[in-house]
Each structure stands twice: as C-alpha cells, then as structure tokens.
Amino acid sequence: MNSPNDAAPVASPDHDAATAMWQAYTEHRGGAGLDDADYTVEHFGDTAGLADELLDIVLTGRKRATAELVSEFAHRGDPLPRIGSHWIACDSTGAPRIIIRSTALRIGPFASADAAFAFAEGEDDRTLESWQREHRRYWERTSAARGAAWSESEDIVFEYFAVVWPPEHAD
C-alpha cells in the first residue's frame, strides 16, 4: 500500500453524472443508443487506491483487459457482460471517467489465463506469474469479504475492451 487511502472504500458511483456522460456519448454517435440502457456503472478493484491505480493504467492505454469472478456478478445481481456491452468506469470518488465497450469475452477457470491475457490486463510487470499471484490475492480477499471462499476452479469472465469515450481517451 502506498498511502493510508489505498485501502479506503470506493465511493458509490455518481449515477447522474454517468447518465450525462452516456448521453454525451450517444449524442456524439448521432443519437444511436440514446435509449439503450445496456451499460453498467462501476469501478475497477475493491479499494479507492486500487480503483484509481487500475483506471490510470487504462487511461495510459496499457490496460485493455480485465477479469472478474462470475460469482461476483451473481452476488451483485449484475448480468454478465456481453460483446458490445458498455460500462462506465468511475474513479475512487465515484466520478465517471470513461466509457468502455466489451470487444471479446470468454469464461474459464483460473488456470485458463494465459500470458497474452496477463499482458493485455497491463498490471504489475504484465507477466502471467504476477497476474496469477495478484489475482489469487485479490479474489481470496473479495470472496472472503462477501463470506465465500475462493477456488481456482471458479468461473472467471476474461474480458477485452476498448475505451470509446471521451474522445481524448478513446482508442
């Protein structure tokens, strides 16, 4: 941890600001999707520090993939992403920063992660070994926080994405 704030909880997303961001995005696309509610509003990670750290590496262009347990989606009552779905990524204060579009998805166990996915996730030194070490720690922690035990056999959503809004961050 770099500072005491790193383990602080992430603020709830600002849904009004996210709706305004979505409207600006859809208007830029000529109104296409204006009535489309197929997006989620969320953040990366489970702490303020991690949310901002991961968002920063997305903003630099280094991170274009993410992974999340299927059981986490179920716990929150969220649908699994699908190719073409969007999510608005917020920073640790809950402010929406970017809109992401899913470009490729697959579901598999922990052992199915490969070096190419670890590199695309852009975290740590981008190796499969560090991906495994850090995600094992992360999922053990987040599973325990919701009263579950994590297992390497659990299904994981491996998601590739593109940043589509705002224009200064879009791929």
N, C-alpha and C. Protein backbone atom coordinates (compact mmCIF):
# COMPACT_ATOMS: atom_id res chain seq x y z
N MET A 1 0.84 -1.18 0.00
CA MET A 1 0.00 0.00 0.00
C MET A 1 0.89 1.24 0.00
N ASN A 2 0.50 2.19 -0.79
CA ASN A 2 1.30 3.40 -0.92
C ASN A 2 0.89 4.49 0.06
N SER A 3 -0.36 4.52 0.47
CA SER A 3 -0.83 5.55 1.39
C SER A 3 -1.99 4.99 2.19
N PRO A 4 -2.35 5.65 3.30
CA PRO A 4 -3.48 5.17 4.10
C PRO A 4 -4.78 5.13 3.31
N ASN A 5 -4.91 5.94 2.28
CA ASN A 5 -6.12 5.99 1.48
C ASN A 5 -6.26 4.79 0.54
N ASP A 6 -5.17 4.05 0.32
CA ASP A 6 -5.22 2.94 -0.63
C ASP A 6 -6.28 1.91 -0.26
N ALA A 7 -6.47 1.66 1.04
CA ALA A 7 -7.44 0.65 1.47
C ALA A 7 -8.81 1.24 1.78
N ALA A 8 -8.96 2.54 1.58
CA ALA A 8 -10.26 3.18 1.82
C ALA A 8 -11.29 2.62 0.85
N PRO A 9 -12.54 2.58 1.27
CA PRO A 9 -13.57 2.09 0.35
C PRO A 9 -13.77 3.04 -0.83
N VAL A 10 -14.26 2.50 -1.91
CA VAL A 10 -14.56 3.28 -3.10
C VAL A 10 -15.92 3.93 -2.91
N ALA A 11 -16.05 5.19 -3.30
CA ALA A 11 -17.33 5.88 -3.19
C ALA A 11 -18.33 5.29 -4.18
N SER A 12 -19.59 5.39 -3.86
CA SER A 12 -20.64 4.94 -4.77
C SER A 12 -20.58 5.76 -6.06
N PRO A 13 -20.87 5.13 -7.19
CA PRO A 13 -20.85 5.86 -8.45
C PRO A 13 -21.86 7.00 -8.48
N ASP A 14 -21.49 8.07 -9.13
CA ASP A 14 -22.38 9.20 -9.35
C ASP A 14 -23.23 8.88 -10.59
N HIS A 15 -24.41 8.32 -10.36
CA HIS A 15 -25.24 7.86 -11.47
C HIS A 15 -25.77 9.00 -12.33
N ASP A 16 -26.02 10.16 -11.73
CA ASP A 16 -26.47 11.31 -12.52
C ASP A 16 -25.38 11.74 -13.50
N ALA A 17 -24.15 11.83 -13.02
CA ALA A 17 -23.03 12.21 -13.90
C ALA A 17 -22.78 11.13 -14.95
N ALA A 18 -22.96 9.86 -14.57
CA ALA A 18 -22.79 8.76 -15.53
C ALA A 18 -23.86 8.84 -16.62
N THR A 19 -25.08 9.16 -16.24
CA THR A 19 -26.15 9.31 -17.23
C THR A 19 -25.83 10.45 -18.20
N ALA A 20 -25.30 11.54 -17.67
CA ALA A 20 -24.92 12.68 -18.53
C ALA A 20 -23.79 12.28 -19.47
N MET A 21 -22.82 11.50 -18.97
CA MET A 21 -21.73 11.03 -19.83
C MET A 21 -22.27 10.13 -20.93
N TRP A 22 -23.18 9.22 -20.56
CA TRP A 22 -23.78 8.33 -21.56
C TRP A 22 -24.52 9.13 -22.62
N GLN A 23 -25.25 10.14 -22.20
CA GLN A 23 -26.00 10.97 -23.15
C GLN A 23 -25.04 11.69 -24.11
N ALA A 24 -23.94 12.22 -23.60
CA ALA A 24 -22.95 12.90 -24.46
C ALA A 24 -22.37 11.91 -25.47
N TYR A 25 -22.08 10.69 -25.01
CA TYR A 25 -21.54 9.66 -25.88
C TYR A 25 -22.53 9.29 -26.99
N THR A 26 -23.78 9.07 -26.61
CA THR A 26 -24.76 8.66 -27.61
C THR A 26 -25.10 9.79 -28.56
N GLU A 27 -25.13 11.02 -28.07
CA GLU A 27 -25.36 12.16 -28.97
C GLU A 27 -24.21 12.31 -29.96
N HIS A 28 -23.00 12.07 -29.51
CA HIS A 28 -21.83 12.11 -30.40
C HIS A 28 -21.96 11.06 -31.51
N ARG A 29 -22.63 9.96 -31.19
CA ARG A 29 -22.86 8.90 -32.18
C ARG A 29 -24.15 9.14 -32.96
N GLY A 30 -24.64 10.37 -32.96
CA GLY A 30 -25.85 10.69 -33.71
C GLY A 30 -27.11 10.21 -33.05
N GLY A 31 -27.08 10.03 -31.75
CA GLY A 31 -28.24 9.58 -31.01
C GLY A 31 -28.36 8.07 -30.95
N ALA A 32 -27.48 7.37 -31.64
CA ALA A 32 -27.53 5.90 -31.62
C ALA A 32 -27.31 5.40 -30.20
N GLY A 33 -28.25 4.62 -29.72
CA GLY A 33 -28.14 4.04 -28.39
C GLY A 33 -28.63 4.92 -27.27
N LEU A 34 -29.19 6.08 -27.60
CA LEU A 34 -29.64 7.01 -26.56
C LEU A 34 -30.61 6.33 -25.60
N ASP A 35 -31.46 5.47 -26.12
CA ASP A 35 -32.42 4.78 -25.28
C ASP A 35 -31.90 3.43 -24.79
N ASP A 36 -30.68 3.10 -25.17
CA ASP A 36 -30.08 1.82 -24.81
C ASP A 36 -29.59 1.88 -23.37
N ALA A 37 -30.15 1.08 -22.53
CA ALA A 37 -29.73 1.05 -21.14
C ALA A 37 -28.75 -0.09 -20.88
N ASP A 38 -28.13 -0.60 -21.93
CA ASP A 38 -27.22 -1.73 -21.81
C ASP A 38 -25.82 -1.26 -21.42
N TYR A 39 -25.75 -0.68 -20.23
CA TYR A 39 -24.44 -0.31 -19.69
C TYR A 39 -24.52 -0.40 -18.18
N THR A 40 -23.36 -0.59 -17.58
CA THR A 40 -23.26 -0.60 -16.13
C THR A 40 -22.38 0.57 -15.71
N VAL A 41 -22.46 0.93 -14.46
CA VAL A 41 -21.64 2.00 -13.90
C VAL A 41 -20.91 1.38 -12.71
N GLU A 42 -19.59 1.35 -12.79
CA GLU A 42 -18.81 0.69 -11.75
C GLU A 42 -17.39 1.21 -11.73
N HIS A 43 -16.56 0.58 -10.95
CA HIS A 43 -15.15 0.94 -10.84
C HIS A 43 -14.32 -0.33 -10.89
N PHE A 44 -13.05 -0.17 -11.12
CA PHE A 44 -12.11 -1.29 -11.03
C PHE A 44 -11.76 -1.49 -9.56
N GLY A 45 -11.45 -2.72 -9.17
CA GLY A 45 -10.92 -3.00 -7.86
C GLY A 45 -11.92 -2.89 -6.72
N ASP A 46 -11.40 -3.09 -5.51
CA ASP A 46 -12.25 -3.10 -4.32
C ASP A 46 -11.86 -2.04 -3.29
N THR A 47 -10.87 -1.24 -3.60
CA THR A 47 -10.46 -0.16 -2.70
C THR A 47 -10.25 1.11 -3.52
N ALA A 48 -10.23 2.24 -2.84
CA ALA A 48 -10.01 3.51 -3.52
C ALA A 48 -8.67 3.52 -4.25
N GLY A 49 -7.63 3.06 -3.58
CA GLY A 49 -6.31 3.05 -4.20
C GLY A 49 -6.25 2.19 -5.44
N LEU A 50 -6.83 1.00 -5.36
CA LEU A 50 -6.80 0.09 -6.50
C LEU A 50 -7.69 0.61 -7.63
N ALA A 51 -8.83 1.18 -7.30
CA ALA A 51 -9.72 1.73 -8.33
C ALA A 51 -8.99 2.79 -9.15
N ASP A 52 -8.29 3.69 -8.47
CA ASP A 52 -7.58 4.76 -9.18
C ASP A 52 -6.36 4.23 -9.92
N GLU A 53 -5.64 3.30 -9.32
CA GLU A 53 -4.46 2.74 -9.97
C GLU A 53 -4.84 2.04 -11.28
N LEU A 54 -5.87 1.22 -11.24
CA LEU A 54 -6.28 0.48 -12.44
C LEU A 54 -6.86 1.42 -13.49
N LEU A 55 -7.65 2.39 -13.06
CA LEU A 55 -8.18 3.37 -14.01
C LEU A 55 -7.04 4.12 -14.69
N ASP A 56 -6.03 4.48 -13.93
CA ASP A 56 -4.88 5.21 -14.51
C ASP A 56 -4.19 4.40 -15.60
N ILE A 57 -4.05 3.08 -15.40
CA ILE A 57 -3.37 2.31 -16.46
C ILE A 57 -4.27 2.08 -17.67
N VAL A 58 -5.58 2.17 -17.47
CA VAL A 58 -6.48 2.19 -18.63
C VAL A 58 -6.29 3.50 -19.39
N LEU A 59 -6.25 4.61 -18.66
CA LEU A 59 -6.12 5.92 -19.30
C LEU A 59 -4.81 6.07 -20.06
N THR A 60 -3.76 5.38 -19.63
CA THR A 60 -2.48 5.44 -20.35
C THR A 60 -2.46 4.54 -21.58
N GLY A 61 -3.48 3.68 -21.71
CA GLY A 61 -3.54 2.76 -22.84
C GLY A 61 -2.89 1.42 -22.58
N ARG A 62 -2.34 1.23 -21.41
CA ARG A 62 -1.63 -0.01 -21.09
C ARG A 62 -2.59 -1.17 -20.77
N LYS A 63 -3.75 -0.87 -20.21
CA LYS A 63 -4.71 -1.91 -19.79
C LYS A 63 -5.88 -1.95 -20.76
N ARG A 64 -6.09 -3.10 -21.39
CA ARG A 64 -7.22 -3.29 -22.29
C ARG A 64 -7.91 -4.63 -22.06
N ALA A 65 -7.78 -5.13 -20.83
CA ALA A 65 -8.47 -6.37 -20.45
C ALA A 65 -8.71 -6.32 -18.95
N THR A 66 -9.68 -7.11 -18.52
CA THR A 66 -9.97 -7.22 -17.10
C THR A 66 -10.58 -8.60 -16.84
N ALA A 67 -10.55 -9.02 -15.60
CA ALA A 67 -11.09 -10.33 -15.23
C ALA A 67 -11.89 -10.19 -13.95
N GLU A 68 -13.02 -10.87 -13.90
CA GLU A 68 -13.85 -10.83 -12.71
C GLU A 68 -14.54 -12.18 -12.53
N LEU A 69 -14.71 -12.58 -11.29
CA LEU A 69 -15.39 -13.84 -10.99
C LEU A 69 -16.86 -13.78 -11.40
N VAL A 70 -17.34 -14.85 -12.00
CA VAL A 70 -18.77 -14.95 -12.31
C VAL A 70 -19.58 -14.80 -11.03
N SER A 71 -19.07 -15.36 -9.94
CA SER A 71 -19.79 -15.29 -8.67
C SER A 71 -19.93 -13.86 -8.15
N GLU A 72 -19.00 -12.96 -8.51
CA GLU A 72 -19.12 -11.56 -8.12
C GLU A 72 -20.29 -10.89 -8.84
N PHE A 73 -20.43 -11.18 -10.14
CA PHE A 73 -21.58 -10.65 -10.88
C PHE A 73 -22.88 -11.13 -10.22
N ALA A 74 -22.94 -12.43 -9.92
CA ALA A 74 -24.14 -13.01 -9.31
C ALA A 74 -24.42 -12.37 -7.94
N HIS A 75 -23.37 -12.19 -7.16
CA HIS A 75 -23.53 -11.59 -5.82
C HIS A 75 -24.13 -10.19 -5.90
N ARG A 76 -23.71 -9.42 -6.89
CA ARG A 76 -24.23 -8.05 -7.05
C ARG A 76 -25.58 -8.02 -7.78
N GLY A 77 -25.96 -9.14 -8.39
CA GLY A 77 -27.19 -9.16 -9.16
C GLY A 77 -27.02 -8.54 -10.54
N ASP A 78 -25.78 -8.46 -11.02
CA ASP A 78 -25.49 -7.89 -12.33
C ASP A 78 -25.44 -8.97 -13.39
N PRO A 79 -25.89 -8.65 -14.60
CA PRO A 79 -25.74 -9.62 -15.69
C PRO A 79 -24.28 -9.71 -16.11
N LEU A 80 -23.91 -10.81 -16.68
CA LEU A 80 -22.56 -10.95 -17.22
C LEU A 80 -22.44 -10.01 -18.42
N PRO A 81 -21.25 -9.47 -18.66
CA PRO A 81 -21.09 -8.64 -19.84
C PRO A 81 -21.26 -9.47 -21.10
N ARG A 82 -21.50 -8.78 -22.20
CA ARG A 82 -21.57 -9.45 -23.50
C ARG A 82 -20.77 -8.60 -24.47
N ILE A 83 -20.35 -9.19 -25.56
CA ILE A 83 -19.61 -8.44 -26.57
C ILE A 83 -20.49 -7.30 -27.05
N GLY A 84 -19.94 -6.10 -27.04
CA GLY A 84 -20.67 -4.92 -27.45
C GLY A 84 -21.31 -4.16 -26.30
N SER A 85 -21.38 -4.76 -25.11
CA SER A 85 -21.95 -4.03 -23.98
C SER A 85 -20.95 -2.99 -23.49
N HIS A 86 -21.47 -2.00 -22.79
CA HIS A 86 -20.66 -0.88 -22.31
C HIS A 86 -20.67 -0.83 -20.79
N TRP A 87 -19.62 -0.25 -20.24
CA TRP A 87 -19.66 0.13 -18.84
C TRP A 87 -18.93 1.44 -18.65
N ILE A 88 -19.46 2.20 -17.74
CA ILE A 88 -18.88 3.49 -17.40
C ILE A 88 -18.01 3.27 -16.17
N ALA A 89 -16.71 3.51 -16.35
CA ALA A 89 -15.75 3.29 -15.26
C ALA A 89 -15.58 4.58 -14.48
N CYS A 90 -15.74 4.45 -13.17
CA CYS A 90 -15.63 5.60 -12.26
C CYS A 90 -14.30 5.54 -11.51
N ASP A 91 -13.87 6.70 -11.02
CA ASP A 91 -12.69 6.74 -10.16
C ASP A 91 -13.13 6.47 -8.71
N SER A 92 -12.20 6.58 -7.80
CA SER A 92 -12.49 6.24 -6.40
C SER A 92 -13.49 7.17 -5.74
N THR A 93 -13.68 8.36 -6.31
CA THR A 93 -14.66 9.30 -5.74
C THR A 93 -16.06 9.06 -6.29
N GLY A 94 -16.19 8.12 -7.24
CA GLY A 94 -17.48 7.84 -7.85
C GLY A 94 -17.72 8.62 -9.12
N ALA A 95 -16.77 9.47 -9.52
CA ALA A 95 -16.93 10.28 -10.72
C ALA A 95 -16.70 9.42 -11.97
N PRO A 96 -17.62 9.45 -12.93
CA PRO A 96 -17.42 8.70 -14.17
C PRO A 96 -16.29 9.31 -14.98
N ARG A 97 -15.40 8.46 -15.50
CA ARG A 97 -14.24 8.97 -16.23
C ARG A 97 -14.21 8.54 -17.69
N ILE A 98 -14.61 7.28 -17.96
CA ILE A 98 -14.53 6.76 -19.33
C ILE A 98 -15.67 5.77 -19.56
N ILE A 99 -15.95 5.57 -20.83
CA ILE A 99 -16.88 4.51 -21.23
C ILE A 99 -16.08 3.45 -21.96
N ILE A 100 -16.28 2.23 -21.55
CA ILE A 100 -15.59 1.06 -22.09
C ILE A 100 -16.61 0.19 -22.82
N ARG A 101 -16.18 -0.41 -23.93
CA ARG A 101 -17.02 -1.33 -24.69
C ARG A 101 -16.33 -2.69 -24.74
N SER A 102 -17.05 -3.74 -24.38
CA SER A 102 -16.50 -5.11 -24.41
C SER A 102 -16.30 -5.54 -25.85
N THR A 103 -15.10 -6.04 -26.15
CA THR A 103 -14.78 -6.46 -27.52
C THR A 103 -14.61 -7.96 -27.66
N ALA A 104 -14.27 -8.64 -26.58
CA ALA A 104 -14.11 -10.10 -26.60
C ALA A 104 -14.29 -10.61 -25.17
N LEU A 105 -14.92 -11.74 -25.05
CA LEU A 105 -15.19 -12.34 -23.74
C LEU A 105 -15.02 -13.85 -23.82
N ARG A 106 -14.62 -14.40 -22.70
CA ARG A 106 -14.69 -15.85 -22.54
C ARG A 106 -14.78 -16.14 -21.06
N ILE A 107 -15.32 -17.29 -20.74
CA ILE A 107 -15.43 -17.72 -19.35
C ILE A 107 -14.60 -18.97 -19.18
N GLY A 108 -13.82 -19.00 -18.12
CA GLY A 108 -12.99 -20.16 -17.85
C GLY A 108 -12.43 -20.11 -16.45
N PRO A 109 -11.73 -21.17 -16.03
CA PRO A 109 -11.13 -21.20 -14.69
C PRO A 109 -9.82 -20.42 -14.64
N PHE A 110 -9.33 -20.24 -13.46
CA PHE A 110 -8.09 -19.51 -13.20
C PHE A 110 -6.94 -20.01 -14.08
N ALA A 111 -6.79 -21.31 -14.18
CA ALA A 111 -5.67 -21.90 -14.93
C ALA A 111 -5.75 -21.62 -16.43
N SER A 112 -6.89 -21.14 -16.91
CA SER A 112 -7.01 -20.89 -18.35
C SER A 112 -6.48 -19.51 -18.75
N ALA A 113 -6.09 -18.69 -17.78
CA ALA A 113 -5.47 -17.40 -18.12
C ALA A 113 -4.13 -17.69 -18.79
N ASP A 114 -3.81 -16.90 -19.80
CA ASP A 114 -2.53 -17.10 -20.48
C ASP A 114 -1.71 -15.81 -20.47
N ALA A 115 -0.49 -15.90 -20.97
CA ALA A 115 0.43 -14.77 -20.94
C ALA A 115 -0.11 -13.58 -21.74
N ALA A 116 -0.78 -13.85 -22.85
CA ALA A 116 -1.32 -12.76 -23.67
C ALA A 116 -2.39 -11.99 -22.90
N PHE A 117 -3.25 -12.70 -22.16
CA PHE A 117 -4.27 -12.01 -21.38
C PHE A 117 -3.62 -11.21 -20.25
N ALA A 118 -2.67 -11.80 -19.55
CA ALA A 118 -1.98 -11.09 -18.47
C ALA A 118 -1.33 -9.81 -18.99
N PHE A 119 -0.73 -9.88 -20.15
CA PHE A 119 -0.10 -8.70 -20.74
C PHE A 119 -1.15 -7.64 -21.06
N ALA A 120 -2.28 -8.05 -21.65
CA ALA A 120 -3.34 -7.10 -22.01
C ALA A 120 -3.97 -6.47 -20.78
N GLU A 121 -3.96 -7.20 -19.66
CA GLU A 121 -4.51 -6.61 -18.44
C GLU A 121 -3.63 -5.48 -17.92
N GLY A 122 -2.36 -5.51 -18.28
CA GLY A 122 -1.48 -4.36 -18.06
C GLY A 122 -1.04 -4.10 -16.64
N GLU A 123 -1.27 -5.02 -15.74
CA GLU A 123 -0.96 -4.78 -14.34
C GLU A 123 0.42 -5.31 -13.96
N ASP A 124 0.97 -4.74 -12.90
CA ASP A 124 2.25 -5.16 -12.35
C ASP A 124 3.30 -5.23 -13.47
N ASP A 125 4.00 -6.36 -13.62
CA ASP A 125 5.01 -6.46 -14.68
C ASP A 125 4.47 -7.12 -15.95
N ARG A 126 3.16 -7.33 -15.98
CA ARG A 126 2.42 -7.86 -17.13
C ARG A 126 2.71 -9.33 -17.44
N THR A 127 3.35 -10.04 -16.53
CA THR A 127 3.62 -11.46 -16.75
C THR A 127 2.47 -12.31 -16.21
N LEU A 128 2.36 -13.52 -16.72
CA LEU A 128 1.36 -14.45 -16.22
C LEU A 128 1.59 -14.76 -14.75
N GLU A 129 2.84 -14.88 -14.34
CA GLU A 129 3.15 -15.18 -12.95
C GLU A 129 2.64 -14.09 -12.01
N SER A 130 2.86 -12.83 -12.36
CA SER A 130 2.37 -11.76 -11.48
C SER A 130 0.85 -11.67 -11.55
N TRP A 131 0.27 -11.92 -12.73
CA TRP A 131 -1.19 -11.92 -12.86
C TRP A 131 -1.78 -12.96 -11.91
N GLN A 132 -1.22 -14.17 -11.92
CA GLN A 132 -1.73 -15.23 -11.07
C GLN A 132 -1.59 -14.87 -9.59
N ARG A 133 -0.42 -14.39 -9.19
CA ARG A 133 -0.17 -14.05 -7.79
C ARG A 133 -1.14 -12.96 -7.31
N GLU A 134 -1.25 -11.87 -8.07
CA GLU A 134 -2.07 -10.74 -7.64
C GLU A 134 -3.56 -11.04 -7.71
N HIS A 135 -4.00 -11.77 -8.72
CA HIS A 135 -5.42 -12.10 -8.80
C HIS A 135 -5.82 -13.15 -7.77
N ARG A 136 -4.93 -14.06 -7.45
CA ARG A 136 -5.20 -15.01 -6.37
C ARG A 136 -5.44 -14.24 -5.07
N ARG A 137 -4.56 -13.29 -4.75
CA ARG A 137 -4.72 -12.48 -3.54
C ARG A 137 -6.03 -11.69 -3.57
N TYR A 138 -6.29 -11.07 -4.72
CA TYR A 138 -7.47 -10.23 -4.87
C TYR A 138 -8.75 -11.05 -4.67
N TRP A 139 -8.86 -12.18 -5.36
CA TRP A 139 -10.09 -12.97 -5.27
C TRP A 139 -10.25 -13.65 -3.92
N GLU A 140 -9.16 -14.01 -3.27
CA GLU A 140 -9.28 -14.53 -1.91
C GLU A 140 -9.86 -13.44 -1.00
N ARG A 141 -9.37 -12.21 -1.15
CA ARG A 141 -9.83 -11.09 -0.33
C ARG A 141 -11.28 -10.73 -0.63
N THR A 142 -11.64 -10.58 -1.91
CA THR A 142 -13.00 -10.15 -2.23
C THR A 142 -14.02 -11.24 -1.95
N SER A 143 -13.64 -12.48 -2.15
CA SER A 143 -14.56 -13.58 -1.81
C SER A 143 -14.81 -13.63 -0.31
N ALA A 144 -13.74 -13.50 0.48
CA ALA A 144 -13.89 -13.51 1.94
C ALA A 144 -14.77 -12.35 2.40
N ALA A 145 -14.65 -11.20 1.75
CA ALA A 145 -15.45 -10.03 2.14
C ALA A 145 -16.94 -10.26 1.94
N ARG A 146 -17.30 -11.17 1.03
CA ARG A 146 -18.73 -11.47 0.86
C ARG A 146 -19.10 -12.81 1.48
N GLY A 147 -18.21 -13.34 2.32
CA GLY A 147 -18.49 -14.55 3.08
C GLY A 147 -18.32 -15.84 2.31
N ALA A 148 -17.50 -15.82 1.28
CA ALA A 148 -17.27 -17.01 0.46
C ALA A 148 -15.78 -17.35 0.46
N ALA A 149 -15.49 -18.56 0.06
CA ALA A 149 -14.10 -18.99 -0.12
C ALA A 149 -13.86 -19.11 -1.62
N TRP A 150 -12.76 -18.52 -2.08
CA TRP A 150 -12.44 -18.57 -3.50
C TRP A 150 -11.73 -19.86 -3.85
N SER A 151 -12.02 -20.37 -5.02
CA SER A 151 -11.39 -21.58 -5.53
C SER A 151 -10.88 -21.33 -6.95
N GLU A 152 -9.73 -21.86 -7.28
CA GLU A 152 -9.18 -21.69 -8.63
C GLU A 152 -10.04 -22.35 -9.70
N SER A 153 -10.98 -23.18 -9.30
CA SER A 153 -11.87 -23.81 -10.28
C SER A 153 -13.08 -22.95 -10.62
N GLU A 154 -13.27 -21.84 -9.89
CA GLU A 154 -14.41 -20.95 -10.17
C GLU A 154 -14.31 -20.36 -11.57
N ASP A 155 -15.47 -20.11 -12.14
CA ASP A 155 -15.50 -19.46 -13.45
C ASP A 155 -15.16 -17.98 -13.34
N ILE A 156 -14.37 -17.54 -14.30
CA ILE A 156 -13.91 -16.15 -14.39
C ILE A 156 -14.33 -15.61 -15.75
N VAL A 157 -14.78 -14.37 -15.78
CA VAL A 157 -15.04 -13.69 -17.05
C VAL A 157 -13.74 -12.99 -17.45
N PHE A 158 -13.17 -13.41 -18.56
CA PHE A 158 -11.98 -12.78 -19.14
C PHE A 158 -12.49 -11.85 -20.23
N GLU A 159 -12.29 -10.56 -20.03
CA GLU A 159 -12.89 -9.56 -20.91
C GLU A 159 -11.83 -8.64 -21.52
N TYR A 160 -11.87 -8.50 -22.83
CA TYR A 160 -11.08 -7.49 -23.53
C TYR A 160 -12.02 -6.33 -23.82
N PHE A 161 -11.47 -5.11 -23.83
CA PHE A 161 -12.32 -3.94 -24.04
C PHE A 161 -11.58 -2.86 -24.81
N ALA A 162 -12.36 -1.91 -25.30
CA ALA A 162 -11.83 -0.69 -25.91
C ALA A 162 -12.43 0.49 -25.16
N VAL A 163 -11.67 1.55 -25.02
CA VAL A 163 -12.20 2.79 -24.46
C VAL A 163 -12.83 3.55 -25.62
N VAL A 164 -14.11 3.93 -25.45
CA VAL A 164 -14.84 4.58 -26.54
C VAL A 164 -15.22 6.03 -26.26
N TRP A 165 -15.10 6.47 -25.00
CA TRP A 165 -15.47 7.85 -24.66
C TRP A 165 -14.80 8.23 -23.36
N PRO A 166 -14.38 9.48 -23.17
CA PRO A 166 -14.46 10.61 -24.07
C PRO A 166 -13.39 10.56 -25.16
N PRO A 167 -13.53 11.40 -26.18
CA PRO A 167 -12.64 11.32 -27.35
C PRO A 167 -11.16 11.38 -27.01
N GLU A 168 -10.78 12.13 -26.01
CA GLU A 168 -9.36 12.24 -25.68
C GLU A 168 -8.77 10.95 -25.11
N HIS A 169 -9.61 10.02 -24.71
CA HIS A 169 -9.14 8.73 -24.19
C HIS A 169 -9.52 7.56 -25.08
N ALA A 170 -10.34 7.80 -26.09
CA ALA A 170 -10.86 6.70 -26.93
C ALA A 170 -9.74 6.07 -27.75
N ASP A 171 -9.86 4.77 -27.93
CA ASP A 171 -8.90 4.02 -28.76
C ASP A 171 -9.04 4.38 -30.22
